[in-house]
N, C-alpha and C. Protein backbone atom coordinates (compact mmCIF):
# COMPACT_ATOMS: atom_id res chain seq x y z
N MET A 1 0.85 -1.16 0.00
CA MET A 1 0.00 0.00 0.00
C MET A 1 0.90 1.23 0.00
N LYS A 2 0.58 2.17 -0.87
CA LYS A 2 1.40 3.36 -1.03
C LYS A 2 0.82 4.51 -0.21
N ALA A 3 1.68 5.29 0.42
CA ALA A 3 1.25 6.45 1.20
C ALA A 3 2.25 7.58 1.04
N GLU A 4 1.80 8.78 1.33
CA GLU A 4 2.65 9.96 1.23
C GLU A 4 2.88 10.54 2.62
N PRO A 5 4.11 10.39 3.16
CA PRO A 5 4.36 10.85 4.52
C PRO A 5 4.62 12.35 4.65
N GLU A 6 4.80 13.04 3.54
CA GLU A 6 5.05 14.47 3.58
C GLU A 6 3.83 15.23 3.07
N SER A 7 3.66 16.43 3.56
CA SER A 7 2.47 17.22 3.22
C SER A 7 2.34 17.46 1.72
N ARG A 8 1.12 17.34 1.26
CA ARG A 8 0.74 17.69 -0.11
C ARG A 8 -0.69 18.17 -0.03
N ILE A 9 -0.93 19.39 -0.51
CA ILE A 9 -2.25 20.00 -0.41
C ILE A 9 -3.03 19.74 -1.69
N VAL A 10 -4.23 19.19 -1.54
CA VAL A 10 -5.14 18.96 -2.66
C VAL A 10 -6.49 19.55 -2.25
N LYS A 11 -7.00 20.47 -3.05
CA LYS A 11 -8.27 21.14 -2.74
C LYS A 11 -8.27 21.72 -1.33
N GLY A 12 -7.14 22.29 -0.92
CA GLY A 12 -7.05 22.93 0.37
C GLY A 12 -6.90 21.98 1.55
N LYS A 13 -6.76 20.69 1.29
CA LYS A 13 -6.64 19.70 2.36
C LYS A 13 -5.31 18.97 2.24
N ASP A 14 -4.64 18.80 3.37
CA ASP A 14 -3.38 18.06 3.40
C ASP A 14 -3.70 16.57 3.30
N VAL A 15 -3.19 15.90 2.27
CA VAL A 15 -3.48 14.49 2.06
C VAL A 15 -2.35 13.59 2.56
N LYS A 16 -1.45 14.15 3.34
CA LYS A 16 -0.35 13.39 3.94
C LYS A 16 -0.91 12.23 4.76
N PHE A 17 -0.28 11.07 4.64
CA PHE A 17 -0.65 9.93 5.47
C PHE A 17 0.55 9.00 5.53
N SER A 18 1.09 8.81 6.72
CA SER A 18 2.27 7.98 6.91
C SER A 18 1.92 6.76 7.77
N ILE A 19 2.88 5.89 7.92
CA ILE A 19 2.64 4.73 8.78
C ILE A 19 2.41 5.18 10.22
N ASP A 20 3.03 6.30 10.61
CA ASP A 20 2.78 6.83 11.95
C ASP A 20 1.34 7.30 12.09
N ASP A 21 0.80 7.88 11.02
CA ASP A 21 -0.61 8.28 11.05
C ASP A 21 -1.51 7.05 11.18
N LEU A 22 -1.16 5.98 10.49
CA LEU A 22 -1.94 4.74 10.59
C LEU A 22 -1.91 4.22 12.03
N TYR A 23 -0.73 4.17 12.63
CA TYR A 23 -0.62 3.68 14.01
C TYR A 23 -1.42 4.54 14.98
N ALA A 24 -1.57 5.83 14.67
CA ALA A 24 -2.29 6.75 15.55
C ALA A 24 -3.81 6.62 15.44
N MET A 25 -4.29 5.96 14.40
CA MET A 25 -5.73 5.78 14.20
C MET A 25 -6.28 4.78 15.22
N LYS A 26 -7.60 4.91 15.51
CA LYS A 26 -8.25 3.96 16.41
C LYS A 26 -8.07 2.54 15.85
N ASP A 27 -7.59 1.65 16.68
CA ASP A 27 -7.32 0.25 16.29
C ASP A 27 -6.29 0.15 15.17
N SER A 28 -5.56 1.24 14.89
CA SER A 28 -4.56 1.28 13.81
C SER A 28 -5.17 0.85 12.48
N THR A 29 -6.39 1.29 12.23
CA THR A 29 -7.05 0.98 10.96
C THR A 29 -7.52 2.27 10.29
N SER A 30 -7.56 2.24 8.97
CA SER A 30 -8.01 3.39 8.20
C SER A 30 -8.43 2.90 6.82
N PRO A 31 -9.47 3.51 6.24
CA PRO A 31 -9.79 3.16 4.85
C PRO A 31 -8.68 3.67 3.94
N TRP A 32 -8.47 2.98 2.85
CA TRP A 32 -7.43 3.38 1.89
C TRP A 32 -8.10 4.12 0.74
N ASP A 33 -8.50 5.36 1.01
CA ASP A 33 -9.22 6.15 0.00
C ASP A 33 -8.25 6.81 -0.98
N GLY A 34 -8.80 7.24 -2.09
CA GLY A 34 -8.02 8.01 -3.05
C GLY A 34 -7.16 7.21 -4.00
N VAL A 35 -7.31 5.90 -4.03
CA VAL A 35 -6.51 5.10 -4.98
C VAL A 35 -7.07 5.37 -6.38
N ARG A 36 -6.25 5.95 -7.24
CA ARG A 36 -6.70 6.30 -8.59
C ARG A 36 -5.77 5.70 -9.64
N ASN A 37 -5.45 4.44 -9.43
CA ASN A 37 -4.61 3.66 -10.32
C ASN A 37 -5.38 2.36 -10.59
N PHE A 38 -5.61 2.06 -11.86
CA PHE A 38 -6.46 0.91 -12.18
C PHE A 38 -5.88 -0.42 -11.71
N GLU A 39 -4.57 -0.61 -11.83
CA GLU A 39 -3.98 -1.87 -11.40
C GLU A 39 -4.13 -2.04 -9.88
N ALA A 40 -3.85 -0.97 -9.13
CA ALA A 40 -4.01 -1.04 -7.67
C ALA A 40 -5.48 -1.26 -7.30
N ARG A 41 -6.37 -0.56 -8.01
CA ARG A 41 -7.81 -0.75 -7.77
C ARG A 41 -8.22 -2.19 -7.97
N ASN A 42 -7.76 -2.79 -9.07
CA ASN A 42 -8.13 -4.18 -9.37
C ASN A 42 -7.63 -5.14 -8.29
N ILE A 43 -6.42 -4.91 -7.81
CA ILE A 43 -5.88 -5.77 -6.75
C ILE A 43 -6.70 -5.61 -5.48
N MET A 44 -7.00 -4.36 -5.11
CA MET A 44 -7.78 -4.13 -3.90
C MET A 44 -9.19 -4.72 -4.03
N ARG A 45 -9.79 -4.56 -5.17
CA ARG A 45 -11.17 -5.01 -5.40
C ARG A 45 -11.27 -6.53 -5.53
N ASP A 46 -10.31 -7.14 -6.25
CA ASP A 46 -10.46 -8.54 -6.66
C ASP A 46 -9.59 -9.54 -5.90
N GLN A 47 -8.50 -9.08 -5.32
CA GLN A 47 -7.54 -10.05 -4.77
C GLN A 47 -7.28 -9.94 -3.28
N MET A 48 -7.30 -8.73 -2.73
CA MET A 48 -6.97 -8.58 -1.31
C MET A 48 -8.08 -9.16 -0.43
N LYS A 49 -7.67 -9.95 0.52
CA LYS A 49 -8.61 -10.61 1.43
C LYS A 49 -8.25 -10.27 2.87
N VAL A 50 -9.25 -10.34 3.75
CA VAL A 50 -9.03 -10.09 5.17
C VAL A 50 -7.92 -11.02 5.67
N GLY A 51 -6.98 -10.43 6.38
CA GLY A 51 -5.86 -11.20 6.92
C GLY A 51 -4.60 -11.13 6.07
N ASP A 52 -4.74 -10.71 4.80
CA ASP A 52 -3.55 -10.57 3.94
C ASP A 52 -2.60 -9.55 4.55
N LYS A 53 -1.32 -9.80 4.41
CA LYS A 53 -0.29 -8.87 4.83
C LYS A 53 0.12 -8.03 3.63
N VAL A 54 0.35 -6.73 3.88
CA VAL A 54 0.77 -5.82 2.81
C VAL A 54 1.96 -5.00 3.28
N LEU A 55 2.76 -4.56 2.32
CA LEU A 55 3.85 -3.64 2.62
C LEU A 55 3.30 -2.23 2.58
N PHE A 56 3.65 -1.43 3.55
CA PHE A 56 3.23 -0.03 3.62
C PHE A 56 4.39 0.79 3.08
N TYR A 57 4.18 1.40 1.92
CA TYR A 57 5.24 2.06 1.17
C TYR A 57 5.08 3.57 1.22
N HIS A 58 6.12 4.28 1.61
CA HIS A 58 6.11 5.74 1.58
C HIS A 58 6.62 6.21 0.22
N SER A 59 5.86 7.09 -0.42
CA SER A 59 6.28 7.65 -1.72
C SER A 59 6.21 9.18 -1.63
N ASN A 60 6.67 9.84 -2.68
CA ASN A 60 6.67 11.31 -2.73
C ASN A 60 7.32 11.91 -1.50
N CYS A 61 8.49 11.39 -1.14
CA CYS A 61 9.22 11.89 0.02
C CYS A 61 10.72 11.76 -0.25
N LYS A 62 11.54 12.27 0.66
CA LYS A 62 12.98 12.25 0.46
C LYS A 62 13.55 10.84 0.42
N LEU A 63 13.00 9.95 1.23
CA LEU A 63 13.48 8.57 1.28
C LEU A 63 12.32 7.61 1.04
N PRO A 64 11.91 7.43 -0.23
CA PRO A 64 10.80 6.51 -0.49
C PRO A 64 11.22 5.07 -0.20
N GLY A 65 10.24 4.28 0.18
CA GLY A 65 10.50 2.87 0.41
C GLY A 65 9.52 2.28 1.41
N VAL A 66 9.71 1.00 1.72
CA VAL A 66 8.83 0.30 2.65
C VAL A 66 9.05 0.87 4.05
N ALA A 67 7.96 1.30 4.68
CA ALA A 67 8.03 1.89 6.02
C ALA A 67 7.53 0.91 7.09
N GLY A 68 6.88 -0.15 6.66
CA GLY A 68 6.35 -1.13 7.61
C GLY A 68 5.40 -2.08 6.92
N THR A 69 4.66 -2.82 7.72
CA THR A 69 3.67 -3.75 7.19
C THR A 69 2.31 -3.44 7.79
N ALA A 70 1.29 -3.95 7.14
CA ALA A 70 -0.09 -3.79 7.63
C ALA A 70 -0.85 -5.07 7.29
N THR A 71 -2.01 -5.19 7.87
CA THR A 71 -2.88 -6.34 7.64
C THR A 71 -4.22 -5.85 7.11
N VAL A 72 -4.73 -6.48 6.07
CA VAL A 72 -6.03 -6.12 5.51
C VAL A 72 -7.12 -6.54 6.50
N VAL A 73 -8.01 -5.59 6.85
CA VAL A 73 -9.07 -5.89 7.82
C VAL A 73 -10.46 -5.86 7.19
N ARG A 74 -10.53 -5.47 5.91
CA ARG A 74 -11.81 -5.46 5.20
C ARG A 74 -11.53 -5.61 3.71
N GLU A 75 -12.35 -6.39 3.04
CA GLU A 75 -12.18 -6.54 1.59
C GLU A 75 -12.61 -5.27 0.88
N GLY A 76 -12.16 -5.11 -0.36
CA GLY A 76 -12.42 -3.90 -1.12
C GLY A 76 -13.89 -3.54 -1.23
N TYR A 77 -14.17 -2.24 -1.19
CA TYR A 77 -15.53 -1.72 -1.33
C TYR A 77 -15.44 -0.38 -2.03
N PRO A 78 -16.55 0.11 -2.62
CA PRO A 78 -16.50 1.35 -3.40
C PRO A 78 -15.94 2.54 -2.60
N ASP A 79 -15.11 3.31 -3.25
CA ASP A 79 -14.52 4.50 -2.64
C ASP A 79 -15.50 5.66 -2.78
N TYR A 80 -16.22 5.93 -1.69
CA TYR A 80 -17.24 6.97 -1.69
C TYR A 80 -16.65 8.37 -1.90
N THR A 81 -15.35 8.55 -1.68
CA THR A 81 -14.76 9.88 -1.86
C THR A 81 -14.77 10.30 -3.33
N ALA A 82 -14.85 9.35 -4.22
CA ALA A 82 -14.88 9.67 -5.66
C ALA A 82 -16.14 10.44 -6.04
N PHE A 83 -17.19 10.33 -5.22
CA PHE A 83 -18.47 10.98 -5.53
C PHE A 83 -18.69 12.29 -4.77
N ASP A 84 -17.75 12.65 -3.91
CA ASP A 84 -17.88 13.85 -3.07
C ASP A 84 -17.07 14.99 -3.67
N ALA A 85 -17.75 15.95 -4.28
CA ALA A 85 -17.09 17.06 -4.97
C ALA A 85 -16.20 17.89 -4.05
N GLU A 86 -16.44 17.83 -2.76
CA GLU A 86 -15.63 18.60 -1.80
C GLU A 86 -14.38 17.85 -1.36
N HIS A 87 -14.31 16.57 -1.66
CA HIS A 87 -13.19 15.74 -1.21
C HIS A 87 -12.00 15.87 -2.15
N PRO A 88 -10.77 15.83 -1.63
CA PRO A 88 -9.58 15.92 -2.50
C PRO A 88 -9.50 14.82 -3.55
N TYR A 89 -10.10 13.66 -3.31
CA TYR A 89 -10.02 12.55 -4.26
C TYR A 89 -11.28 12.41 -5.12
N TYR A 90 -12.06 13.47 -5.20
CA TYR A 90 -13.25 13.48 -6.06
C TYR A 90 -12.85 13.19 -7.51
N ASP A 91 -13.67 12.39 -8.18
CA ASP A 91 -13.45 12.08 -9.59
C ASP A 91 -14.72 12.43 -10.35
N ALA A 92 -14.68 13.52 -11.09
CA ALA A 92 -15.85 14.01 -11.82
C ALA A 92 -16.38 12.99 -12.83
N LYS A 93 -15.54 12.05 -13.26
CA LYS A 93 -15.97 11.04 -14.22
C LYS A 93 -16.66 9.85 -13.54
N SER A 94 -16.61 9.81 -12.22
CA SER A 94 -17.30 8.76 -11.46
C SER A 94 -18.67 9.31 -11.08
N THR A 95 -19.67 8.96 -11.85
CA THR A 95 -20.98 9.58 -11.65
C THR A 95 -22.05 8.62 -11.13
N ASP A 96 -21.79 7.31 -11.16
CA ASP A 96 -22.83 6.36 -10.78
C ASP A 96 -22.40 5.50 -9.60
N PRO A 97 -22.87 5.80 -8.40
CA PRO A 97 -22.51 5.00 -7.22
C PRO A 97 -22.90 3.53 -7.35
N ASP A 98 -23.88 3.22 -8.22
CA ASP A 98 -24.28 1.83 -8.41
C ASP A 98 -23.31 1.08 -9.31
N SER A 99 -22.42 1.80 -9.97
CA SER A 99 -21.39 1.20 -10.81
C SER A 99 -20.06 1.92 -10.53
N PRO A 100 -19.50 1.70 -9.35
CA PRO A 100 -18.32 2.46 -8.94
C PRO A 100 -17.08 2.15 -9.78
N LYS A 101 -16.34 3.19 -10.02
CA LYS A 101 -15.08 3.06 -10.78
C LYS A 101 -13.91 2.78 -9.84
N TRP A 102 -13.97 3.32 -8.62
CA TRP A 102 -12.85 3.23 -7.68
C TRP A 102 -13.24 2.49 -6.41
N PHE A 103 -12.27 1.77 -5.88
CA PHE A 103 -12.48 1.00 -4.65
C PHE A 103 -11.41 1.35 -3.62
N MET A 104 -11.72 1.05 -2.36
CA MET A 104 -10.74 1.23 -1.28
C MET A 104 -10.66 -0.05 -0.48
C-alpha cells in the first residue's frame, strides 16, 4: 500500500498519510481512500482478502520505500470519496454510485 508521509495539499486539504498516522488511528485501521490507479484498484477489489499482509510504502518523500507492514481488515468496497465534490479525491468522471469506478 502506497502512502505519502510528507504534506501535499489537494483542494485545500493536506493528504499526507504515513505509517505513523496509521498507528495513531483507532485500532490502527483506516480506509485506503483516493486510490486512482487501475492496477491497484483491481488488486484491492479482486484479490486482497481479510488477513492478507501488505507492505506499507512511503512515496513522494525524500526517502521513499517500505516503512512497515499492515494487515487487511476489510475486503475492497466502493470509494465513496470519488463521488464527493468537496473531497480531495473526487473524480468528476465517477458519476454512478451503483457502478463504482474506484475502490478502497
